[in-house]
Amino acid sequence: MIASIGAVALGGALGALARYSVALLALRLWPGSFALPTLLVNVSGCLTIGVLYGLWLHRPEISPVIQQGLMIGFLGAFTTFSTFSLDAWRLLGNGQGLIALGYILLSVCLCLTATWAGLWLTR
């Protein structure tokens, strides 16, 4: 338990620093671009969670502590969009296409609405 907490904490710190670094680099290379840093983080995070999850499906001997540190800690701080995407793919992979579609639509619509509500509340 202690090792898992430490791995998640360390991974989270490194993920947050990586996200910040990607944002700085993207803005330096492509100033004024639309939300490019967020797009780069989300796409690379989704690719990474797919690779990691695929590795652990085929190599279960890899330590769960490493998995938690990378997937929950690092990617959780780097981008939560990767987790959203993996959850949607898991639902699709389990033959739950309608639930997956509902999850995707609800997530996007409710999150956009919640962001709007938060902005509205601060006016």
PDB file of N, CA and C in Angstrom:
ATOM      1  N   MET A   1       0.825  -1.199   0.000  1.00  0.00           N
ATOM      2  CA  MET A   1       0.000   0.000   0.000  1.00  0.00           C
ATOM      3  C   MET A   1       0.869   1.264   0.000  1.00  0.00           C
ATOM      4  N   ILE A   2       1.873   1.291   0.847  1.00  0.00           N
ATOM      5  CA  ILE A   2       2.767   2.452   0.929  1.00  0.00           C
ATOM      6  C   ILE A   2       3.509   2.639  -0.398  1.00  0.00           C
ATOM      7  N   ALA A   3       3.956   1.532  -0.980  1.00  0.00           N
ATOM      8  CA  ALA A   3       4.678   1.616  -2.258  1.00  0.00           C
ATOM      9  C   ALA A   3       3.767   2.172  -3.346  1.00  0.00           C
ATOM     10  N   SER A   4       2.502   1.754  -3.360  1.00  0.00           N
ATOM     11  CA  SER A   4       1.553   2.253  -4.361  1.00  0.00           C
ATOM     12  C   SER A   4       1.320   3.751  -4.193  1.00  0.00           C
ATOM     13  N   ILE A   5       1.157   4.185  -2.958  1.00  0.00           N
ATOM     14  CA  ILE A   5       0.941   5.616  -2.697  1.00  0.00           C
ATOM     15  C   ILE A   5       2.157   6.421  -3.144  1.00  0.00           C
ATOM     16  N   GLY A   6       3.332   5.918  -2.826  1.00  0.00           N
ATOM     17  CA  GLY A   6       4.553   6.610  -3.245  1.00  0.00           C
ATOM     18  C   GLY A   6       4.692   6.656  -4.759  1.00  0.00           C
ATOM     19  N   ALA A   7       4.357   5.547  -5.427  1.00  0.00           N
ATOM     20  CA  ALA A   7       4.463   5.491  -6.889  1.00  0.00           C
ATOM     21  C   ALA A   7       3.475   6.454  -7.541  1.00  0.00           C
ATOM     22  N   VAL A   8       2.252   6.511  -7.021  1.00  0.00           N
ATOM     23  CA  VAL A   8       1.247   7.430  -7.570  1.00  0.00           C
ATOM     24  C   VAL A   8       1.659   8.877  -7.334  1.00  0.00           C
ATOM     25  N   ALA A   9       2.173   9.162  -6.140  1.00  0.00           N
ATOM     26  CA  ALA A   9       2.602  10.537  -5.827  1.00  0.00           C
ATOM     27  C   ALA A   9       3.773  10.969  -6.721  1.00  0.00           C
ATOM     28  N   LEU A  10       4.761  10.104  -6.853  1.00  0.00           N
ATOM     29  CA  LEU A  10       5.916  10.423  -7.704  1.00  0.00           C
ATOM     30  C   LEU A  10       5.488  10.553  -9.161  1.00  0.00           C
ATOM     31  N   GLY A  11       4.683   9.595  -9.617  1.00  0.00           N
ATOM     32  CA  GLY A  11       4.188   9.664 -10.992  1.00  0.00           C
ATOM     33  C   GLY A  11       3.378  10.924 -11.238  1.00  0.00           C
ATOM     34  N   GLY A  12       2.554  11.302 -10.262  1.00  0.00           N
ATOM     35  CA  GLY A  12       1.742  12.510 -10.390  1.00  0.00           C
ATOM     36  C   GLY A  12       2.595  13.763 -10.507  1.00  0.00           C
ATOM     37  N   ALA A  13       3.631  13.837  -9.681  1.00  0.00           N
ATOM     38  CA  ALA A  13       4.523  15.001  -9.749  1.00  0.00           C
ATOM     39  C   ALA A  13       5.222  15.067 -11.109  1.00  0.00           C
ATOM     40  N   LEU A  14       5.699  13.927 -11.577  1.00  0.00           N
ATOM     41  CA  LEU A  14       6.385  13.900 -12.882  1.00  0.00           C
ATOM     42  C   LEU A  14       5.423  14.180 -14.030  1.00  0.00           C
ATOM     43  N   GLY A  15       4.194  13.684 -13.924  1.00  0.00           N
ATOM     44  CA  GLY A  15       3.194  13.936 -14.957  1.00  0.00           C
ATOM     45  C   GLY A  15       2.829  15.418 -15.043  1.00  0.00           C
ATOM     46  N   ALA A  16       2.689  16.054 -13.888  1.00  0.00           N
ATOM     47  CA  ALA A  16       2.375  17.485 -13.875  1.00  0.00           C
ATOM     48  C   ALA A  16       3.516  18.299 -14.479  1.00  0.00           C
ATOM     49  N   LEU A  17       4.745  17.938 -14.143  1.00  0.00           N
ATOM     50  CA  LEU A  17       5.902  18.631 -14.725  1.00  0.00           C
ATOM     51  C   LEU A  17       5.990  18.390 -16.230  1.00  0.00           C
ATOM     52  N   ALA A  18       5.679  17.190 -16.663  1.00  0.00           N
ATOM     53  CA  ALA A  18       5.705  16.882 -18.096  1.00  0.00           C
ATOM     54  C   ALA A  18       4.644  17.692 -18.835  1.00  0.00           C
ATOM     55  N   ARG A  19       3.454  17.792 -18.255  1.00  0.00           N
ATOM     56  CA  ARG A  19       2.379  18.573 -18.892  1.00  0.00           C
ATOM     57  C   ARG A  19       2.794  20.037 -19.027  1.00  0.00           C
ATOM     58  N   TYR A  20       3.358  20.575 -17.977  1.00  0.00           N
ATOM     59  CA  TYR A  20       3.810  21.966 -17.987  1.00  0.00           C
ATOM     60  C   TYR A  20       4.907  22.156 -19.027  1.00  0.00           C
ATOM     61  N   SER A  21       5.828  21.210 -19.110  1.00  0.00           N
ATOM     62  CA  SER A  21       6.927  21.302 -20.074  1.00  0.00           C
ATOM     63  C   SER A  21       6.423  21.239 -21.515  1.00  0.00           C
ATOM     64  N   VAL A  22       5.478  20.357 -21.788  1.00  0.00           N
ATOM     65  CA  VAL A  22       4.898  20.263 -23.131  1.00  0.00           C
ATOM     66  C   VAL A  22       4.214  21.583 -23.484  1.00  0.00           C
ATOM     67  N   ALA A  23       3.485  22.156 -22.539  1.00  0.00           N
ATOM     68  CA  ALA A  23       2.797  23.427 -22.796  1.00  0.00           C
ATOM     69  C   ALA A  23       3.800  24.532 -23.115  1.00  0.00           C
ATOM     70  N   LEU A  24       4.854  24.627 -22.336  1.00  0.00           N
ATOM     71  CA  LEU A  24       5.866  25.663 -22.588  1.00  0.00           C
ATOM     72  C   LEU A  24       6.525  25.477 -23.949  1.00  0.00           C
ATOM     73  N   LEU A  25       6.885  24.240 -24.267  1.00  0.00           N
ATOM     74  CA  LEU A  25       7.542  23.961 -25.539  1.00  0.00           C
ATOM     75  C   LEU A  25       6.615  24.247 -26.715  1.00  0.00           C
ATOM     76  N   ALA A  26       5.372  23.804 -26.623  1.00  0.00           N
ATOM     77  CA  ALA A  26       4.418  24.024 -27.718  1.00  0.00           C
ATOM     78  C   ALA A  26       4.171  25.512 -27.941  1.00  0.00           C
ATOM     79  N   LEU A  27       4.036  26.251 -26.867  1.00  0.00           N
ATOM     80  CA  LEU A  27       3.793  27.694 -27.012  1.00  0.00           C
ATOM     81  C   LEU A  27       5.023  28.425 -27.550  1.00  0.00           C
ATOM     82  N   ARG A  28       6.199  27.916 -27.243  1.00  0.00           N
ATOM     83  CA  ARG A  28       7.426  28.528 -27.761  1.00  0.00           C
ATOM     84  C   ARG A  28       7.580  28.237 -29.251  1.00  0.00           C
ATOM     85  N   LEU A  29       7.264  26.995 -29.655  1.00  0.00           N
ATOM     86  CA  LEU A  29       7.432  26.607 -31.057  1.00  0.00           C
ATOM     87  C   LEU A  29       6.307  27.104 -31.957  1.00  0.00           C
ATOM     88  N   TRP A  30       5.092  27.145 -31.410  1.00  0.00           N
ATOM     89  CA  TRP A  30       3.926  27.555 -32.193  1.00  0.00           C
ATOM     90  C   TRP A  30       3.114  28.587 -31.421  1.00  0.00           C
ATOM     91  N   PRO A  31       3.632  29.811 -31.261  1.00  0.00           N
ATOM     92  CA  PRO A  31       2.908  30.815 -30.479  1.00  0.00           C
ATOM     93  C   PRO A  31       1.574  31.175 -31.143  1.00  0.00           C
ATOM     94  N   GLY A  32       0.585  31.382 -30.310  1.00  0.00           N
ATOM     95  CA  GLY A  32      -0.714  31.812 -30.805  1.00  0.00           C
ATOM     96  C   GLY A  32      -1.587  30.711 -31.365  1.00  0.00           C
ATOM     97  N   SER A  33      -1.091  29.464 -31.381  1.00  0.00           N
ATOM     98  CA  SER A  33      -1.908  28.377 -31.899  1.00  0.00           C
ATOM     99  C   SER A  33      -3.087  28.122 -30.975  1.00  0.00           C
ATOM    100  N   PHE A  34      -4.160  27.578 -31.563  1.00  0.00           N
ATOM    101  CA  PHE A  34      -5.308  27.208 -30.741  1.00  0.00           C
ATOM    102  C   PHE A  34      -4.834  26.238 -29.670  1.00  0.00           C
ATOM    103  N   ALA A  35      -5.602  25.746 -28.838  1.00  0.00           N
ATOM    104  CA  ALA A  35      -5.237  24.946 -27.672  1.00  0.00           C
ATOM    105  C   ALA A  35      -4.291  23.781 -28.005  1.00  0.00           C
ATOM    106  N   LEU A  36      -3.217  24.094 -28.711  1.00  0.00           N
ATOM    107  CA  LEU A  36      -2.276  23.064 -29.146  1.00  0.00           C
ATOM    108  C   LEU A  36      -1.636  22.316 -27.980  1.00  0.00           C
ATOM    109  N   PRO A  37      -1.201  22.994 -26.912  1.00  0.00           N
ATOM    110  CA  PRO A  37      -0.611  22.237 -25.801  1.00  0.00           C
ATOM    111  C   PRO A  37      -1.558  21.179 -25.246  1.00  0.00           C
ATOM    112  N   THR A  38      -2.813  21.531 -25.067  1.00  0.00           N
ATOM    113  CA  THR A  38      -3.781  20.575 -24.536  1.00  0.00           C
ATOM    114  C   THR A  38      -4.007  19.438 -25.513  1.00  0.00           C
ATOM    115  N   LEU A  39      -4.094  19.738 -26.787  1.00  0.00           N
ATOM    116  CA  LEU A  39      -4.282  18.709 -27.799  1.00  0.00           C
ATOM    117  C   LEU A  39      -3.090  17.746 -27.810  1.00  0.00           C
ATOM    118  N   LEU A  40      -1.878  18.285 -27.776  1.00  0.00           N
ATOM    119  CA  LEU A  40      -0.680  17.441 -27.765  1.00  0.00           C
ATOM    120  C   LEU A  40      -0.647  16.544 -26.533  1.00  0.00           C
ATOM    121  N   VAL A  41      -0.972  17.105 -25.383  1.00  0.00           N
ATOM    122  CA  VAL A  41      -0.984  16.331 -24.143  1.00  0.00           C
ATOM    123  C   VAL A  41      -2.042  15.235 -24.216  1.00  0.00           C
ATOM    124  N   ASN A  42      -3.244  15.576 -24.675  1.00  0.00           N
ATOM    125  CA  ASN A  42      -4.316  14.585 -24.721  1.00  0.00           C
ATOM    126  C   ASN A  42      -4.008  13.452 -25.695  1.00  0.00           C
ATOM    127  N   VAL A  43      -3.524  13.775 -26.871  1.00  0.00           N
ATOM    128  CA  VAL A  43      -3.227  12.738 -27.864  1.00  0.00           C
ATOM    129  C   VAL A  43      -2.056  11.868 -27.407  1.00  0.00           C
ATOM    130  N   SER A  44      -0.991  12.486 -26.930  1.00  0.00           N
ATOM    131  CA  SER A  44       0.156  11.680 -26.481  1.00  0.00           C
ATOM    132  C   SER A  44      -0.196  10.861 -25.239  1.00  0.00           C
ATOM    133  N   GLY A  45      -1.027  11.410 -24.360  1.00  0.00           N
ATOM    134  CA  GLY A  45      -1.465  10.653 -23.188  1.00  0.00           C
ATOM    135  C   GLY A  45      -2.317   9.461 -23.579  1.00  0.00           C
ATOM    136  N   CYS A  46      -3.174   9.627 -24.575  1.00  0.00           N
ATOM    137  CA  CYS A  46      -4.011   8.517 -25.048  1.00  0.00           C
ATOM    138  C   CYS A  46      -3.162   7.427 -25.692  1.00  0.00           C
ATOM    139  N   LEU A  47      -2.179   7.829 -26.490  1.00  0.00           N
ATOM    140  CA  LEU A  47      -1.275   6.845 -27.085  1.00  0.00           C
ATOM    141  C   LEU A  47      -0.525   6.094 -25.984  1.00  0.00           C
ATOM    142  N   THR A  48      -0.041   6.813 -25.002  1.00  0.00           N
ATOM    143  CA  THR A  48       0.734   6.205 -23.916  1.00  0.00           C
ATOM    144  C   THR A  48      -0.113   5.248 -23.090  1.00  0.00           C
ATOM    145  N   ILE A  49      -1.342   5.625 -22.741  1.00  0.00           N
ATOM    146  CA  ILE A  49      -2.165   4.717 -21.938  1.00  0.00           C
ATOM    147  C   ILE A  49      -2.537   3.473 -22.737  1.00  0.00           C
ATOM    148  N   GLY A  50      -2.711   3.618 -24.044  1.00  0.00           N
ATOM    149  CA  GLY A  50      -2.980   2.454 -24.878  1.00  0.00           C
ATOM    150  C   GLY A  50      -1.802   1.492 -24.894  1.00  0.00           C
ATOM    151  N   VAL A  51      -0.605   2.035 -25.040  1.00  0.00           N
ATOM    152  CA  VAL A  51       0.606   1.206 -25.044  1.00  0.00           C
ATOM    153  C   VAL A  51       0.782   0.524 -23.688  1.00  0.00           C
ATOM    154  N   LEU A  52       0.668   1.289 -22.607  1.00  0.00           N
ATOM    155  CA  LEU A  52       0.871   0.719 -21.276  1.00  0.00           C
ATOM    156  C   LEU A  52      -0.164  -0.355 -20.953  1.00  0.00           C
ATOM    157  N   TYR A  53      -1.415  -0.062 -21.226  1.00  0.00           N
ATOM    158  CA  TYR A  53      -2.473  -1.030 -20.939  1.00  0.00           C
ATOM    159  C   TYR A  53      -2.281  -2.297 -21.777  1.00  0.00           C
ATOM    160  N   GLY A  54      -1.912  -2.119 -23.042  1.00  0.00           N
ATOM    161  CA  GLY A  54      -1.627  -3.275 -23.893  1.00  0.00           C
ATOM    162  C   GLY A  54      -0.472  -4.098 -23.362  1.00  0.00           C
ATOM    163  N   LEU A  55       0.572  -3.437 -22.872  1.00  0.00           N
ATOM    164  CA  LEU A  55       1.703  -4.164 -22.291  1.00  0.00           C
ATOM    165  C   LEU A  55       1.269  -4.985 -21.090  1.00  0.00           C
ATOM    166  N   TRP A  56       0.481  -4.374 -20.214  1.00  0.00           N
ATOM    167  CA  TRP A  56       0.080  -5.083 -19.007  1.00  0.00           C
ATOM    168  C   TRP A  56      -0.922  -6.198 -19.285  1.00  0.00           C
ATOM    169  N   LEU A  57      -1.681  -6.080 -20.340  1.00  0.00           N
ATOM    170  CA  LEU A  57      -2.576  -7.182 -20.706  1.00  0.00           C
ATOM    171  C   LEU A  57      -1.781  -8.414 -21.133  1.00  0.00           C
ATOM    172  N   HIS A  58      -0.647  -8.174 -21.805  1.00  0.00           N
ATOM    173  CA  HIS A  58       0.152  -9.266 -22.339  1.00  0.00           C
ATOM    174  C   HIS A  58       1.326  -9.648 -21.442  1.00  0.00           C
ATOM    175  N   ARG A  59       1.614  -8.821 -20.449  1.00  0.00           N
ATOM    176  CA  ARG A  59       2.733  -9.085 -19.535  1.00  0.00           C
ATOM    177  C   ARG A  59       2.282  -8.833 -18.098  1.00  0.00           C
ATOM    178  N   PRO A  60       1.424  -9.693 -17.566  1.00  0.00           N
ATOM    179  CA  PRO A  60       0.872  -9.470 -16.226  1.00  0.00           C
ATOM    180  C   PRO A  60       1.914  -9.534 -15.110  1.00  0.00           C
ATOM    181  N   GLU A  61       3.112 -10.000 -15.421  1.00  0.00           N
ATOM    182  CA  GLU A  61       4.150 -10.070 -14.389  1.00  0.00           C
ATOM    183  C   GLU A  61       4.726  -8.696 -14.041  1.00  0.00           C
ATOM    184  N   ILE A  62       4.428  -7.681 -14.848  1.00  0.00           N
ATOM    185  CA  ILE A  62       4.906  -6.330 -14.552  1.00  0.00           C
ATOM    186  C   ILE A  62       4.220  -5.853 -13.272  1.00  0.00           C
ATOM    187  N   SER A  63       4.982  -5.280 -12.409  1.00  0.00           N
ATOM    188  CA  SER A  63       4.521  -4.881 -11.075  1.00  0.00           C
ATOM    189  C   SER A  63       3.305  -3.958 -11.123  1.00  0.00           C
ATOM    190  N   PRO A  64       2.286  -4.257 -10.316  1.00  0.00           N
ATOM    191  CA  PRO A  64       1.128  -3.356 -10.222  1.00  0.00           C
ATOM    192  C   PRO A  64       1.512  -1.970  -9.699  1.00  0.00           C
ATOM    193  N   VAL A  65       2.566  -1.907  -8.904  1.00  0.00           N
ATOM    194  CA  VAL A  65       3.015  -0.615  -8.378  1.00  0.00           C
ATOM    195  C   VAL A  65       3.513   0.267  -9.527  1.00  0.00           C
ATOM    196  N   ILE A  66       4.219  -0.315 -10.460  1.00  0.00           N
ATOM    197  CA  ILE A  66       4.685   0.434 -11.634  1.00  0.00           C
ATOM    198  C   ILE A  66       3.480   0.872 -12.465  1.00  0.00           C
ATOM    199  N   GLN A  67       2.542  -0.029 -12.646  1.00  0.00           N
ATOM    200  CA  GLN A  67       1.322   0.304 -13.398  1.00  0.00           C
ATOM    201  C   GLN A  67       0.584   1.467 -12.734  1.00  0.00           C
ATOM    202  N   GLN A  68       0.417   1.424 -11.438  1.00  0.00           N
ATOM    203  CA  GLN A  68      -0.268   2.497 -10.722  1.00  0.00           C
ATOM    204  C   GLN A  68       0.497   3.811 -10.819  1.00  0.00           C
ATOM    205  N   GLY A  69       1.810   3.736 -10.670  1.00  0.00           N
ATOM    206  CA  GLY A  69       2.620   4.953 -10.762  1.00  0.00           C
ATOM    207  C   GLY A  69       2.527   5.615 -12.122  1.00  0.00           C
ATOM    208  N   LEU A  70       2.534   4.798 -13.170  1.00  0.00           N
ATOM    209  CA  LEU A  70       2.489   5.357 -14.523  1.00  0.00           C
ATOM    210  C   LEU A  70       1.077   5.738 -14.963  1.00  0.00           C
ATOM    211  N   MET A  71       0.119   4.823 -14.776  1.00  0.00           N
ATOM    212  CA  MET A  71      -1.225   5.079 -15.305  1.00  0.00           C
ATOM    213  C   MET A  71      -2.037   6.021 -14.418  1.00  0.00           C
ATOM    214  N   ILE A  72      -2.021   5.805 -13.123  1.00  0.00           N
ATOM    215  CA  ILE A  72      -2.802   6.668 -12.226  1.00  0.00           C
ATOM    216  C   ILE A  72      -2.038   7.944 -11.918  1.00  0.00           C
ATOM    217  N   GLY A  73      -0.769   7.797 -11.542  1.00  0.00           N
ATOM    218  CA  GLY A  73       0.028   8.958 -11.153  1.00  0.00           C
ATOM    219  C   GLY A  73       0.426   9.831 -12.331  1.00  0.00           C
ATOM    220  N   PHE A  74       1.318   9.293 -13.176  1.00  0.00           N
ATOM    221  CA  PHE A  74       1.849  10.094 -14.271  1.00  0.00           C
ATOM    222  C   PHE A  74       0.763  10.553 -15.240  1.00  0.00           C
ATOM    223  N   LEU A  75       0.030   9.586 -15.803  1.00  0.00           N
ATOM    224  CA  LEU A  75      -0.977   9.963 -16.800  1.00  0.00           C
ATOM    225  C   LEU A  75      -2.160  10.702 -16.173  1.00  0.00           C
ATOM    226  N   GLY A  76      -2.459  10.403 -14.910  1.00  0.00           N
ATOM    227  CA  GLY A  76      -3.536  11.124 -14.225  1.00  0.00           C
ATOM    228  C   GLY A  76      -3.230  12.602 -14.085  1.00  0.00           C
ATOM    229  N   ALA A  77      -1.966  12.922 -13.856  1.00  0.00           N
ATOM    230  CA  ALA A  77      -1.573  14.323 -13.764  1.00  0.00           C
ATOM    231  C   ALA A  77      -1.299  14.919 -15.144  1.00  0.00           C
ATOM    232  N   PHE A  78      -0.817  14.091 -16.059  1.00  0.00           N
ATOM    233  CA  PHE A  78      -0.493  14.563 -17.405  1.00  0.00           C
ATOM    234  C   PHE A  78      -1.767  14.879 -18.178  1.00  0.00           C
ATOM    235  N   THR A  79      -2.733  13.964 -18.158  1.00  0.00           N
ATOM    236  CA  THR A  79      -4.004  14.165 -18.844  1.00  0.00           C
ATOM    237  C   THR A  79      -5.026  13.157 -18.364  1.00  0.00           C
ATOM    238  N   THR A  80      -6.190  13.608 -17.963  1.00  0.00           N
ATOM    239  CA  THR A  80      -7.249  12.656 -17.605  1.00  0.00           C
ATOM    240  C   THR A  80      -8.015  12.216 -18.850  1.00  0.00           C
ATOM    241  N   PHE A  81      -7.774  12.858 -19.960  1.00  0.00           N
ATOM    242  CA  PHE A  81      -8.448  12.472 -21.198  1.00  0.00           C
ATOM    243  C   PHE A  81      -8.051  11.057 -21.604  1.00  0.00           C
ATOM    244  N   SER A  82      -6.829  10.666 -21.265  1.00  0.00           N
ATOM    245  CA  SER A  82      -6.394   9.317 -21.598  1.00  0.00           C
ATOM    246  C   SER A  82      -7.233   8.281 -20.848  1.00  0.00           C
ATOM    247  N   THR A  83      -7.538   8.535 -19.598  1.00  0.00           N
ATOM    248  CA  THR A  83      -8.370   7.618 -18.823  1.00  0.00           C
ATOM    249  C   THR A  83      -9.782   7.571 -19.386  1.00  0.00           C
ATOM    250  N   PHE A  84     -10.322   8.722 -19.726  1.00  0.00           N
ATOM    251  CA  PHE A  84     -11.640   8.793 -20.359  1.00  0.00           C
ATOM    252  C   PHE A  84     -11.671   7.938 -21.628  1.00  0.00           C
ATOM    253  N   SER A  85     -10.644   8.072 -22.453  1.00  0.00           N
ATOM    254  CA  SER A  85     -10.585   7.325 -23.710  1.00  0.00           C
ATOM    255  C   SER A  85     -10.476   5.822 -23.470  1.00  0.00           C
ATOM    256  N   LEU A  86      -9.641   5.431 -22.512  1.00  0.00           N
ATOM    257  CA  LEU A  86      -9.498   4.010 -22.218  1.00  0.00           C
ATOM    258  C   LEU A  86     -10.808   3.440 -21.678  1.00  0.00           C
ATOM    259  N   ASP A  87     -11.486   4.170 -20.807  1.00  0.00           N
ATOM    260  CA  ASP A  87     -12.771   3.703 -20.287  1.00  0.00           C
ATOM    261  C   ASP A  87     -13.778   3.496 -21.413  1.00  0.00           C
ATOM    262  N   ALA A  88     -13.813   4.425 -22.356  1.00  0.00           N
ATOM    263  CA  ALA A  88     -14.733   4.298 -23.487  1.00  0.00           C
ATOM    264  C   ALA A  88     -14.376   3.070 -24.331  1.00  0.00           C
ATOM    265  N   TRP A  89     -13.082   2.846 -24.588  1.00  0.00           N
ATOM    266  CA  TRP A  89     -12.656   1.689 -25.375  1.00  0.00           C
ATOM    267  C   TRP A  89     -12.943   0.388 -24.648  1.00  0.00           C
ATOM    268  N   ARG A  90     -12.808   0.380 -23.324  1.00  0.00           N
ATOM    269  CA  ARG A  90     -13.123  -0.835 -22.560  1.00  0.00           C
ATOM    270  C   ARG A  90     -14.608  -1.182 -22.704  1.00  0.00           C
ATOM    271  N   LEU A  91     -15.455  -0.171 -22.607  1.00  0.00           N
ATOM    272  CA  LEU A  91     -16.895  -0.409 -22.780  1.00  0.00           C
ATOM    273  C   LEU A  91     -17.174  -0.958 -24.174  1.00  0.00           C
ATOM    274  N   LEU A  92     -16.570  -0.356 -25.189  1.00  0.00           N
ATOM    275  CA  LEU A  92     -16.755  -0.840 -26.559  1.00  0.00           C
ATOM    276  C   LEU A  92     -16.236  -2.268 -26.704  1.00  0.00           C
ATOM    277  N   GLY A  93     -15.083  -2.537 -26.114  1.00  0.00           N
ATOM    278  CA  GLY A  93     -14.482  -3.862 -26.197  1.00  0.00           C
ATOM    279  C   GLY A  93     -15.301  -4.936 -25.493  1.00  0.00           C
ATOM    280  N   ASN A  94     -16.076  -4.529 -24.512  1.00  0.00           N
ATOM    281  CA  ASN A  94     -16.943  -5.461 -23.787  1.00  0.00           C
ATOM    282  C   ASN A  94     -18.312  -5.597 -24.437  1.00  0.00           C
ATOM    283  N   GLY A  95     -18.458  -5.031 -25.642  1.00  0.00           N
ATOM    284  CA  GLY A  95     -19.728  -5.141 -26.349  1.00  0.00           C
ATOM    285  C   GLY A  95     -20.810  -4.222 -25.818  1.00  0.00           C
ATOM    286  N   GLN A  96     -20.415  -3.193 -25.103  1.00  0.00           N
ATOM    287  CA  GLN A  96     -21.370  -2.254 -24.520  1.00  0.00           C
ATOM    288  C   GLN A  96     -21.345  -0.937 -25.298  1.00  0.00           C
ATOM    289  N   GLY A  97     -21.591  -1.038 -26.598  1.00  0.00           N
ATOM    290  CA  GLY A  97     -21.505   0.123 -27.483  1.00  0.00           C
ATOM    291  C   GLY A  97     -22.445   1.242 -27.107  1.00  0.00           C
ATOM    292  N   LEU A  98     -23.667   0.911 -26.749  1.00  0.00           N
ATOM    293  CA  LEU A  98     -24.636   1.944 -26.389  1.00  0.00           C
ATOM    294  C   LEU A  98     -24.238   2.649 -25.094  1.00  0.00           C
ATOM    295  N   ILE A  99     -23.752   1.880 -24.133  1.00  0.00           N
ATOM    296  CA  ILE A  99     -23.291   2.488 -22.878  1.00  0.00           C
ATOM    297  C   ILE A  99     -22.063   3.357 -23.157  1.00  0.00           C
ATOM    298  N   ALA A 100     -21.170   2.891 -24.020  1.00  0.00           N
ATOM    299  CA  ALA A 100     -19.981   3.678 -24.379  1.00  0.00           C
ATOM    300  C   ALA A 100     -20.386   5.003 -25.019  1.00  0.00           C
ATOM    301  N   LEU A 101     -21.324   4.939 -25.948  1.00  0.00           N
ATOM    302  CA  LEU A 101     -21.798   6.166 -26.597  1.00  0.00           C
ATOM    303  C   LEU A 101     -22.406   7.115 -25.571  1.00  0.00           C
ATOM    304  N   GLY A 102     -23.215   6.577 -24.670  1.00  0.00           N
ATOM    305  CA  GLY A 102     -23.805   7.397 -23.612  1.00  0.00           C
ATOM    306  C   GLY A 102     -22.749   8.015 -22.726  1.00  0.00           C
ATOM    307  N   TYR A 103     -21.748   7.226 -22.370  1.00  0.00           N
ATOM    308  CA  TYR A 103     -20.650   7.716 -21.532  1.00  0.00           C
ATOM    309  C   TYR A 103     -19.896   8.857 -22.224  1.00  0.00           C
ATOM    310  N   ILE A 104     -19.615   8.677 -23.503  1.00  0.00           N
ATOM    311  CA  ILE A 104     -18.885   9.697 -24.261  1.00  0.00           C
ATOM    312  C   ILE A 104     -19.715  10.978 -24.363  1.00  0.00           C
ATOM    313  N   LEU A 105     -20.962  10.841 -24.764  1.00  0.00           N
ATOM    314  CA  LEU A 105     -21.822  12.024 -24.912  1.00  0.00           C
ATOM    315  C   LEU A 105     -22.062  12.719 -23.578  1.00  0.00           C
ATOM    316  N   LEU A 106     -22.356  11.937 -22.537  1.00  0.00           N
ATOM    317  CA  LEU A 106     -22.568  12.537 -21.220  1.00  0.00           C
ATOM    318  C   LEU A 106     -21.312  13.234 -20.715  1.00  0.00           C
ATOM    319  N   SER A 107     -20.163  12.598 -20.886  1.00  0.00           N
ATOM    320  CA  SER A 107     -18.918  13.192 -20.406  1.00  0.00           C
ATOM    321  C   SER A 107     -18.651  14.535 -21.075  1.00  0.00           C
ATOM    322  N   VAL A 108     -18.738  14.554 -22.386  1.00  0.00           N
ATOM    323  CA  VAL A 108     -18.446  15.794 -23.112  1.00  0.00           C
ATOM    324  C   VAL A 108     -19.487  16.860 -22.796  1.00  0.00           C
ATOM    325  N   CYS A 109     -20.761  16.500 -22.895  1.00  0.00           N
ATOM    326  CA  CYS A 109     -21.823  17.495 -22.673  1.00  0.00           C
ATOM    327  C   CYS A 109     -21.855  17.993 -21.228  1.00  0.00           C
ATOM    328  N   LEU A 110     -21.775  17.085 -20.268  1.00  0.00           N
ATOM    329  CA  LEU A 110     -21.818  17.502 -18.866  1.00  0.00           C
ATOM    330  C   LEU A 110     -20.583  18.304 -18.479  1.00  0.00           C
ATOM    331  N   CYS A 111     -19.419  17.915 -18.990  1.00  0.00           N
ATOM    332  CA  CYS A 111     -18.206  18.657 -18.650  1.00  0.00           C
ATOM    333  C   CYS A 111     -18.204  20.054 -19.268  1.00  0.00           C
ATOM    334  N   LEU A 112     -18.667  20.175 -20.500  1.00  0.00           N
ATOM    335  CA  LEU A 112     -18.776  21.512 -21.104  1.00  0.00           C
ATOM    336  C   LEU A 112     -19.789  22.359 -20.335  1.00  0.00           C
ATOM    337  N   THR A 113     -20.893  21.747 -19.950  1.00  0.00           N
ATOM    338  CA  THR A 113     -21.917  22.468 -19.191  1.00  0.00           C
ATOM    339  C   THR A 113     -21.383  22.868 -17.815  1.00  0.00           C
ATOM    340  N   ALA A 114     -20.666  21.969 -17.166  1.00  0.00           N
ATOM    341  CA  ALA A 114     -20.099  22.285 -15.848  1.00  0.00           C
ATOM    342  C   ALA A 114     -19.073  23.408 -15.940  1.00  0.00           C
ATOM    343  N   THR A 115     -18.278  23.406 -16.992  1.00  0.00           N
ATOM    344  CA  THR A 115     -17.316  24.493 -17.179  1.00  0.00           C
ATOM    345  C   THR A 115     -18.045  25.819 -17.374  1.00  0.00           C
ATOM    346  N   TRP A 116     -19.077  25.798 -18.214  1.00  0.00           N
ATOM    347  CA  TRP A 116     -19.889  27.003 -18.415  1.00  0.00           C
ATOM    348  C   TRP A 116     -20.495  27.460 -17.087  1.00  0.00           C
ATOM    349  N   ALA A 117     -21.022  26.526 -16.296  1.00  0.00           N
ATOM    350  CA  ALA A 117     -21.644  26.869 -15.015  1.00  0.00           C
ATOM    351  C   ALA A 117     -20.618  27.474 -14.060  1.00  0.00           C
ATOM    352  N   GLY A 118     -19.427  26.910 -14.051  1.00  0.00           N
ATOM    353  CA  GLY A 118     -18.377  27.474 -13.200  1.00  0.00           C
ATOM    354  C   GLY A 118     -18.012  28.882 -13.604  1.00  0.00           C
ATOM    355  N   LEU A 119     -17.925  29.110 -14.906  1.00  0.00           N
ATOM    356  CA  LEU A 119     -17.651  30.480 -15.392  1.00  0.00           C
ATOM    357  C   LEU A 119     -18.806  31.412 -15.064  1.00  0.00           C
ATOM    358  N   TRP A 120     -20.032  30.935 -15.218  1.00  0.00           N
ATOM    359  CA  TRP A 120     -21.209  31.736 -14.930  1.00  0.00           C
ATOM    360  C   TRP A 120     -21.274  32.098 -13.444  1.00  0.00           C
ATOM    361  N   LEU A 121     -20.931  31.150 -12.587  1.00  0.00           N
ATOM    362  CA  LEU A 121     -20.964  31.393 -11.139  1.00  0.00           C
ATOM    363  C   LEU A 121     -19.972  32.467 -10.695  1.00  0.00           C
ATOM    364  N   THR A 122     -18.923  32.669 -11.450  1.00  0.00           N
ATOM    365  CA  THR A 122     -17.926  33.658 -11.064  1.00  0.00           C
ATOM    366  C   THR A 122     -18.169  35.032 -11.645  1.00  0.00           C
ATOM    367  N   ARG A 123     -19.268  35.225 -12.372  1.00  0.00           N
ATOM    368  CA  ARG A 123     -19.562  36.532 -12.954  1.00  0.00           C
ATOM    369  C   ARG A 123     -20.129  37.459 -11.923  1.00  0.00           C
TER     370      ARG A 123
END
